[in-house]
Amino acid sequence: MEILLALMVGILYGTGIYMMLRRSMVKLIIGIILLGNGANLLIFLLGRITKGAPPIISGDAKVFAEAYADPVPQALILTAIVISFGLQSFAIVLVKRAHTVVRTDDLDEMNATDEDS
């Protein structure tokens, strides 16, 4: 299971970086979304996947006898999801506003409009 998730993290990172290198602003936002999802999956993978083991350890335990699910990466992922949703919402509104002003989605054409005027 971990190998499949590690492969998925690599695919998300690769496609996210590829999309961010395109000239379109919409593809830039899609790349940021994919890269954020890859990072969340990587954090989840680092927290160990244990089926049926609660993230609660008894207070009198001195040594961890069995594998347990670490709750810290799960809490970090929940926080990262909320922050990335806010970033995505802001980026979409910003792209919509830039498109209405400049009338193009291409980053090279947006750069060239200042020189033509």
Foldseek 3Di string as FASTA:
>chain_A
DLVVLVVQLVVLLVCLVVQCPAFFLVSVLVSLVSNLVSVLSVLQSVQDDDPPAECDDDPVDPDDPDDHGPCVSVVVSVVSVVVSVVVSVVSVVVQVVVCVVQVDRGNVSVVCVVVVD
